[in-house]
Amino acid sequence: MSGTIDERIARVTFTPDGLVAAIIQQWDTREVLMLGWMDAEALRRTLTEGRVTFWSRSRREYWRKGDTSGHIQLVREARLDCDGDAILITVDQVGPACHTGTRTCFDADDLEAVRGPEVTA
């Protein structure tokens, strides 16, 4: 994302309730760590402070990842998807990303997917 902070945030397409999905990924391994929600202020804090801040839909308050656990997310890069309705934030994750104590929130039981035919070139 380039431009001033306000210009960057203005390019985001927020949901009717003012939120955007933020996918958090470890910058060097590309491991998907978690998904959280941000409003414009949480995104502003994330881009200016260099630590990921989310909007908690259940508690209706801001929370900066790691403030209570010490498992912080240091921002390396933020990218807006082609539709402007999702953000990919690459981070240096310190400690586990998931509130359950696991490295990633995506290591729970796998959902079995129906696989299509293999494509060969």
N, C-alpha and C. Protein backbone atom coordinates (compact mmCIF):
# COMPACT_ATOMS: atom_id res chain seq x y z
N MET A 1 0.85 -1.17 0.00
CA MET A 1 0.00 0.00 0.00
C MET A 1 0.90 1.23 0.00
N SER A 2 0.70 2.13 -0.94
CA SER A 2 1.50 3.34 -0.97
C SER A 2 0.59 4.56 -0.79
N GLY A 3 1.21 5.72 -0.54
CA GLY A 3 0.47 6.95 -0.28
C GLY A 3 0.44 7.24 1.20
N THR A 4 -0.24 8.33 1.57
CA THR A 4 -0.36 8.67 2.99
C THR A 4 -1.25 7.64 3.67
N ILE A 5 -1.21 7.62 4.97
CA ILE A 5 -2.06 6.68 5.72
C ILE A 5 -3.53 6.87 5.36
N ASP A 6 -3.99 8.12 5.31
CA ASP A 6 -5.40 8.37 4.99
C ASP A 6 -5.73 7.94 3.57
N GLU A 7 -4.81 8.13 2.62
CA GLU A 7 -5.04 7.69 1.24
C GLU A 7 -5.12 6.17 1.16
N ARG A 8 -4.28 5.49 1.92
CA ARG A 8 -4.30 4.03 1.93
C ARG A 8 -5.62 3.51 2.50
N ILE A 9 -6.02 4.08 3.62
CA ILE A 9 -7.27 3.64 4.26
C ILE A 9 -8.47 3.94 3.39
N ALA A 10 -8.45 5.05 2.66
CA ALA A 10 -9.57 5.41 1.77
C ALA A 10 -9.75 4.41 0.64
N ARG A 11 -8.74 3.64 0.31
CA ARG A 11 -8.85 2.64 -0.76
C ARG A 11 -9.51 1.34 -0.29
N VAL A 12 -9.69 1.19 1.02
CA VAL A 12 -10.26 -0.04 1.58
C VAL A 12 -11.78 0.00 1.45
N THR A 13 -12.35 -1.13 1.04
CA THR A 13 -13.81 -1.28 0.99
C THR A 13 -14.24 -1.99 2.27
N PHE A 14 -14.76 -1.23 3.20
CA PHE A 14 -15.21 -1.78 4.47
C PHE A 14 -16.62 -2.35 4.31
N THR A 15 -16.96 -3.33 5.15
CA THR A 15 -18.31 -3.89 5.17
C THR A 15 -19.29 -2.81 5.65
N PRO A 16 -20.60 -3.04 5.51
CA PRO A 16 -21.56 -2.05 6.01
C PRO A 16 -21.38 -1.73 7.49
N ASP A 17 -20.85 -2.67 8.27
CA ASP A 17 -20.61 -2.37 9.69
C ASP A 17 -19.21 -1.81 9.93
N GLY A 18 -18.52 -1.41 8.85
CA GLY A 18 -17.26 -0.68 8.98
C GLY A 18 -16.02 -1.53 9.19
N LEU A 19 -16.07 -2.81 8.81
CA LEU A 19 -14.94 -3.71 9.06
C LEU A 19 -14.35 -4.24 7.76
N VAL A 20 -13.11 -4.69 7.86
CA VAL A 20 -12.43 -5.36 6.77
C VAL A 20 -11.68 -6.56 7.35
N ALA A 21 -11.67 -7.67 6.61
CA ALA A 21 -10.95 -8.86 7.04
C ALA A 21 -9.45 -8.63 6.87
N ALA A 22 -8.70 -9.01 7.89
CA ALA A 22 -7.24 -8.89 7.85
C ALA A 22 -6.64 -10.28 8.04
N ILE A 23 -6.00 -10.77 7.00
CA ILE A 23 -5.33 -12.07 7.04
C ILE A 23 -3.90 -11.82 7.50
N ILE A 24 -3.49 -12.55 8.53
CA ILE A 24 -2.17 -12.35 9.10
C ILE A 24 -1.29 -13.53 8.69
N GLN A 25 -0.12 -13.22 8.12
CA GLN A 25 0.78 -14.23 7.58
C GLN A 25 2.20 -13.98 8.07
N GLN A 26 2.90 -15.04 8.45
CA GLN A 26 4.31 -14.93 8.82
C GLN A 26 5.10 -14.54 7.57
N TRP A 27 5.89 -13.49 7.68
CA TRP A 27 6.51 -12.90 6.49
C TRP A 27 7.51 -13.82 5.80
N ASP A 28 8.28 -14.61 6.54
CA ASP A 28 9.35 -15.39 5.90
C ASP A 28 8.91 -16.78 5.48
N THR A 29 8.05 -17.43 6.25
CA THR A 29 7.61 -18.78 5.91
C THR A 29 6.31 -18.79 5.10
N ARG A 30 5.62 -17.66 5.07
CA ARG A 30 4.32 -17.50 4.40
C ARG A 30 3.21 -18.31 5.06
N GLU A 31 3.44 -18.77 6.28
CA GLU A 31 2.44 -19.51 7.03
C GLU A 31 1.29 -18.58 7.40
N VAL A 32 0.04 -18.99 7.11
CA VAL A 32 -1.13 -18.20 7.48
C VAL A 32 -1.37 -18.42 8.97
N LEU A 33 -1.36 -17.33 9.73
CA LEU A 33 -1.45 -17.42 11.18
C LEU A 33 -2.86 -17.24 11.71
N MET A 34 -3.58 -16.26 11.21
CA MET A 34 -4.90 -15.98 11.75
C MET A 34 -5.64 -15.00 10.86
N LEU A 35 -6.90 -14.81 11.18
CA LEU A 35 -7.73 -13.80 10.53
C LEU A 35 -8.37 -12.97 11.63
N GLY A 36 -8.36 -11.69 11.45
CA GLY A 36 -9.00 -10.79 12.40
C GLY A 36 -9.74 -9.71 11.64
N TRP A 37 -10.42 -8.85 12.37
CA TRP A 37 -11.21 -7.79 11.77
C TRP A 37 -10.66 -6.44 12.19
N MET A 38 -10.67 -5.49 11.26
CA MET A 38 -10.21 -4.13 11.53
C MET A 38 -11.24 -3.14 11.04
N ASP A 39 -11.36 -2.06 11.78
CA ASP A 39 -12.08 -0.90 11.25
C ASP A 39 -11.00 0.09 10.82
N ALA A 40 -11.39 1.26 10.37
CA ALA A 40 -10.41 2.23 9.87
C ALA A 40 -9.41 2.62 10.95
N GLU A 41 -9.85 2.78 12.18
CA GLU A 41 -8.94 3.17 13.26
C GLU A 41 -7.95 2.05 13.59
N ALA A 42 -8.41 0.80 13.62
CA ALA A 42 -7.50 -0.32 13.89
C ALA A 42 -6.45 -0.41 12.78
N LEU A 43 -6.88 -0.20 11.54
CA LEU A 43 -5.93 -0.21 10.43
C LEU A 43 -4.94 0.94 10.55
N ARG A 44 -5.42 2.11 10.91
CA ARG A 44 -4.54 3.27 11.10
C ARG A 44 -3.50 2.97 12.18
N ARG A 45 -3.93 2.42 13.30
CA ARG A 45 -2.99 2.09 14.37
C ARG A 45 -1.97 1.06 13.90
N THR A 46 -2.43 0.06 13.15
CA THR A 46 -1.54 -0.98 12.65
C THR A 46 -0.47 -0.40 11.73
N LEU A 47 -0.90 0.48 10.82
CA LEU A 47 0.04 1.05 9.86
C LEU A 47 0.98 2.07 10.48
N THR A 48 0.55 2.76 11.51
CA THR A 48 1.41 3.79 12.11
C THR A 48 2.27 3.28 13.25
N GLU A 49 1.76 2.30 14.01
CA GLU A 49 2.50 1.81 15.18
C GLU A 49 3.40 0.62 14.88
N GLY A 50 3.12 -0.08 13.78
CA GLY A 50 3.95 -1.24 13.44
C GLY A 50 3.63 -2.50 14.22
N ARG A 51 2.53 -2.47 14.95
CA ARG A 51 2.01 -3.65 15.66
C ARG A 51 0.56 -3.82 15.26
N VAL A 52 0.13 -5.07 15.08
CA VAL A 52 -1.22 -5.33 14.60
C VAL A 52 -2.26 -5.04 15.68
N THR A 53 -3.26 -4.25 15.30
CA THR A 53 -4.40 -3.93 16.16
C THR A 53 -5.67 -4.38 15.45
N PHE A 54 -6.54 -5.04 16.19
CA PHE A 54 -7.80 -5.52 15.64
C PHE A 54 -8.97 -4.84 16.34
N TRP A 55 -10.15 -4.99 15.75
CA TRP A 55 -11.40 -4.61 16.39
C TRP A 55 -12.08 -5.90 16.82
N SER A 56 -12.36 -6.04 18.09
CA SER A 56 -13.04 -7.22 18.60
C SER A 56 -14.54 -7.05 18.41
N ARG A 57 -15.11 -7.89 17.58
CA ARG A 57 -16.55 -7.82 17.33
C ARG A 57 -17.34 -8.24 18.56
N SER A 58 -16.82 -9.19 19.35
CA SER A 58 -17.56 -9.66 20.52
C SER A 58 -17.44 -8.69 21.70
N ARG A 59 -16.24 -8.16 21.94
CA ARG A 59 -16.04 -7.24 23.07
C ARG A 59 -16.30 -5.79 22.70
N ARG A 60 -16.39 -5.52 21.37
CA ARG A 60 -16.60 -4.17 20.86
C ARG A 60 -15.55 -3.20 21.37
N GLU A 61 -14.28 -3.62 21.22
CA GLU A 61 -13.16 -2.77 21.61
C GLU A 61 -11.92 -3.14 20.80
N TYR A 62 -10.95 -2.23 20.79
CA TYR A 62 -9.69 -2.49 20.11
C TYR A 62 -8.83 -3.42 20.95
N TRP A 63 -8.07 -4.26 20.28
CA TRP A 63 -7.08 -5.05 20.99
C TRP A 63 -5.84 -5.19 20.12
N ARG A 64 -4.72 -4.86 20.74
CA ARG A 64 -3.45 -4.96 20.05
C ARG A 64 -2.86 -6.32 20.38
N LYS A 65 -2.62 -7.09 19.35
CA LYS A 65 -2.15 -8.47 19.52
C LYS A 65 -0.89 -8.49 20.38
N GLY A 66 -0.95 -9.26 21.46
CA GLY A 66 0.20 -9.46 22.32
C GLY A 66 0.27 -8.59 23.55
N ASP A 67 -0.64 -7.63 23.70
CA ASP A 67 -0.56 -6.74 24.87
C ASP A 67 -0.72 -7.51 26.19
N THR A 68 -1.53 -8.56 26.21
CA THR A 68 -1.68 -9.33 27.44
C THR A 68 -0.84 -10.61 27.42
N SER A 69 -0.66 -11.21 26.24
CA SER A 69 0.05 -12.49 26.16
C SER A 69 1.54 -12.34 25.91
N GLY A 70 1.96 -11.21 25.34
CA GLY A 70 3.35 -11.04 24.93
C GLY A 70 3.62 -11.60 23.55
N HIS A 71 2.61 -12.19 22.91
CA HIS A 71 2.76 -12.81 21.59
C HIS A 71 2.43 -11.77 20.51
N ILE A 72 3.36 -10.86 20.31
CA ILE A 72 3.12 -9.71 19.45
C ILE A 72 3.29 -10.03 17.97
N GLN A 73 2.71 -9.18 17.15
CA GLN A 73 2.85 -9.26 15.70
C GLN A 73 3.44 -7.95 15.21
N LEU A 74 4.68 -8.03 14.73
CA LEU A 74 5.38 -6.86 14.21
C LEU A 74 5.16 -6.78 12.70
N VAL A 75 4.58 -5.69 12.26
CA VAL A 75 4.19 -5.54 10.85
C VAL A 75 5.41 -5.41 9.96
N ARG A 76 5.44 -6.22 8.90
CA ARG A 76 6.46 -6.13 7.87
C ARG A 76 5.91 -5.44 6.62
N GLU A 77 4.65 -5.77 6.27
CA GLU A 77 4.06 -5.24 5.04
C GLU A 77 2.54 -5.39 5.12
N ALA A 78 1.83 -4.48 4.48
CA ALA A 78 0.38 -4.59 4.37
C ALA A 78 -0.01 -4.43 2.92
N ARG A 79 -0.83 -5.34 2.43
CA ARG A 79 -1.28 -5.31 1.04
C ARG A 79 -2.80 -5.41 0.98
N LEU A 80 -3.36 -4.64 0.07
CA LEU A 80 -4.80 -4.64 -0.16
C LEU A 80 -5.09 -5.56 -1.34
N ASP A 81 -6.13 -6.39 -1.25
CA ASP A 81 -6.44 -7.28 -2.37
C ASP A 81 -7.07 -6.49 -3.52
N CYS A 82 -7.25 -7.16 -4.65
CA CYS A 82 -7.70 -6.49 -5.88
C CYS A 82 -9.07 -5.85 -5.75
N ASP A 83 -9.94 -6.37 -4.89
CA ASP A 83 -11.27 -5.79 -4.69
C ASP A 83 -11.29 -4.74 -3.58
N GLY A 84 -10.20 -4.66 -2.84
CA GLY A 84 -10.12 -3.69 -1.75
C GLY A 84 -10.86 -4.11 -0.50
N ASP A 85 -11.33 -5.38 -0.45
CA ASP A 85 -12.15 -5.79 0.69
C ASP A 85 -11.47 -6.80 1.61
N ALA A 86 -10.17 -6.95 1.48
CA ALA A 86 -9.39 -7.80 2.39
C ALA A 86 -7.96 -7.28 2.41
N ILE A 87 -7.33 -7.43 3.55
CA ILE A 87 -5.96 -6.97 3.73
C ILE A 87 -5.10 -8.15 4.11
N LEU A 88 -3.92 -8.25 3.51
CA LEU A 88 -2.93 -9.24 3.88
C LEU A 88 -1.82 -8.51 4.61
N ILE A 89 -1.60 -8.91 5.85
CA ILE A 89 -0.55 -8.27 6.65
C ILE A 89 0.50 -9.33 6.96
N THR A 90 1.73 -9.08 6.49
CA THR A 90 2.81 -9.99 6.83
C THR A 90 3.50 -9.45 8.08
N VAL A 91 3.83 -10.37 8.97
CA VAL A 91 4.34 -10.00 10.29
C VAL A 91 5.52 -10.87 10.69
N ASP A 92 6.23 -10.40 11.69
CA ASP A 92 7.13 -11.23 12.49
C ASP A 92 6.31 -11.60 13.71
N GLN A 93 5.92 -12.85 13.82
CA GLN A 93 5.11 -13.33 14.95
C GLN A 93 6.04 -13.73 16.08
N VAL A 94 5.81 -13.18 17.25
CA VAL A 94 6.57 -13.55 18.44
C VAL A 94 5.68 -14.45 19.29
N GLY A 95 6.03 -15.72 19.41
CA GLY A 95 5.22 -16.68 20.14
C GLY A 95 4.05 -17.15 19.31
N PRO A 96 3.12 -17.89 19.93
CA PRO A 96 1.96 -18.41 19.20
C PRO A 96 1.04 -17.28 18.75
N ALA A 97 0.39 -17.49 17.62
CA ALA A 97 -0.57 -16.50 17.12
C ALA A 97 -1.97 -16.75 17.66
N CYS A 98 -2.29 -18.00 17.93
CA CYS A 98 -3.65 -18.36 18.33
C CYS A 98 -3.85 -18.25 19.83
N HIS A 99 -5.04 -17.84 20.24
CA HIS A 99 -5.36 -17.73 21.66
C HIS A 99 -5.34 -19.09 22.37
N THR A 100 -5.36 -20.19 21.59
CA THR A 100 -5.30 -21.53 22.19
C THR A 100 -3.86 -21.94 22.52
N GLY A 101 -2.90 -21.11 22.11
CA GLY A 101 -1.50 -21.41 22.38
C GLY A 101 -0.78 -22.10 21.24
N THR A 102 -1.45 -22.28 20.11
CA THR A 102 -0.81 -22.89 18.95
C THR A 102 -0.21 -21.83 18.04
N ARG A 103 0.72 -22.24 17.23
CA ARG A 103 1.43 -21.32 16.33
C ARG A 103 0.47 -20.58 15.41
N THR A 104 -0.53 -21.28 14.89
CA THR A 104 -1.47 -20.70 13.95
C THR A 104 -2.89 -21.09 14.35
N CYS A 105 -3.83 -20.26 13.98
CA CYS A 105 -5.24 -20.57 14.23
C CYS A 105 -5.77 -21.60 13.24
N PHE A 106 -4.97 -21.94 12.24
CA PHE A 106 -5.42 -22.85 11.18
C PHE A 106 -4.83 -24.25 11.31
N ASP A 107 -4.55 -24.69 12.52
CA ASP A 107 -4.03 -26.04 12.67
C ASP A 107 -5.04 -26.98 13.35
N ALA A 108 -6.30 -26.55 13.41
CA ALA A 108 -7.35 -27.40 13.96
C ALA A 108 -7.65 -28.53 12.98
N ASP A 109 -8.58 -29.38 13.35
CA ASP A 109 -8.94 -30.49 12.47
C ASP A 109 -9.22 -30.00 11.06
N ASP A 110 -8.68 -30.76 10.11
CA ASP A 110 -8.88 -30.41 8.71
C ASP A 110 -10.31 -30.67 8.29
N LEU A 111 -10.81 -29.79 7.46
CA LEU A 111 -12.08 -30.04 6.78
C LEU A 111 -11.74 -30.85 5.54
N GLU A 112 -12.47 -31.90 5.32
CA GLU A 112 -12.20 -32.68 4.12
C GLU A 112 -12.82 -31.99 2.93
N ALA A 113 -12.03 -31.75 1.93
CA ALA A 113 -12.51 -31.09 0.72
C ALA A 113 -12.65 -32.10 -0.40
N VAL A 114 -13.63 -31.86 -1.22
CA VAL A 114 -13.77 -32.68 -2.42
C VAL A 114 -12.78 -32.11 -3.42
N ARG A 115 -11.92 -32.97 -3.90
CA ARG A 115 -10.90 -32.51 -4.84
C ARG A 115 -11.37 -32.72 -6.26
N GLY A 116 -11.14 -31.72 -7.08
CA GLY A 116 -11.44 -31.82 -8.50
C GLY A 116 -10.39 -32.64 -9.20
N PRO A 117 -10.55 -32.81 -10.50
CA PRO A 117 -9.57 -33.58 -11.25
C PRO A 117 -8.23 -32.85 -11.28
N GLU A 118 -7.15 -33.62 -11.36
CA GLU A 118 -5.83 -33.01 -11.45
C GLU A 118 -5.68 -32.35 -12.79
N VAL A 119 -5.06 -31.21 -12.76
CA VAL A 119 -4.81 -30.47 -14.00
C VAL A 119 -3.38 -30.74 -14.42
N THR A 120 -3.21 -31.11 -15.66
CA THR A 120 -1.85 -31.31 -16.19
C THR A 120 -1.63 -30.33 -17.31
N ALA A 121 -0.42 -29.87 -17.40
CA ALA A 121 -0.10 -28.87 -18.43
C ALA A 121 0.32 -29.51 -19.72
